Amino acid sequence: MIRSIALTKTALCVMLLLTSVFAQDTLGGRKLPSVTLIPPGVADISKGKSNIVNLDFQVGPGFHINSNKPSAEYMIPTVLRLDPPTDITVGKINYPAGEEMSFPFAPNEKLSVYSGRFTVGVTVRPLSGVLPGKYEFRGQMRYQACDNAACYPPKQLPVQFEVKVLKAPPPHRKNPPQSPNVHN
């Protein structure tokens, strides 16, 4: 009897947990917007040089997010913020141009948005003193998603990726100039 009650409680806990997981993805039967980072591989970068690391993101079907340069001031732009490891700097972050689209909620207005898959390029530069090896970047991307009927509150997507700093190649040395009389 006690074992049966314990199993029933366990089953109820599992059902509640699954319900809460699925409730996060839907609201009143409607799918909620999502943006995911497609897991990047480890990017090889050269010590002491600027390198571009491309991060691919996927916007869930039926949704779009405002671009980094939205077409209206009141719209929340998509922005990536990173905390680089020590001795590696983050330079320019290159966002793609948004796609100009109009929607039923604003049929006379073209909005600059991302939908489907898009790539953000991050310029990173390991300082000359950094040791070769793997380093982890962490950060977050802030975005606001919409569907054809409504916009949702802004969200923060955790972003994480690794780079492998390679040993710098030896400097190229020119041959010293030779005297024309050497070969006589």
Foldseek 3Di string as FASTA:
>chain_A
DVVVVVVVVVVVVVVVVVVVVVCVQDDPNHGDKDKDWDADAAAEDEAQDKDKDKIKMFIDPQKKWADQDKPDPVHDHKDWDKDFDPQKDKDDKATDWFDFDAAPVGNPGTIGIDHGMGMIIIIMHGYNPDDFAKTKMKTWIWIWMDGRPGIDDIDIHIDMHMYTYDYHDDDDDDDDDDDPPPVD
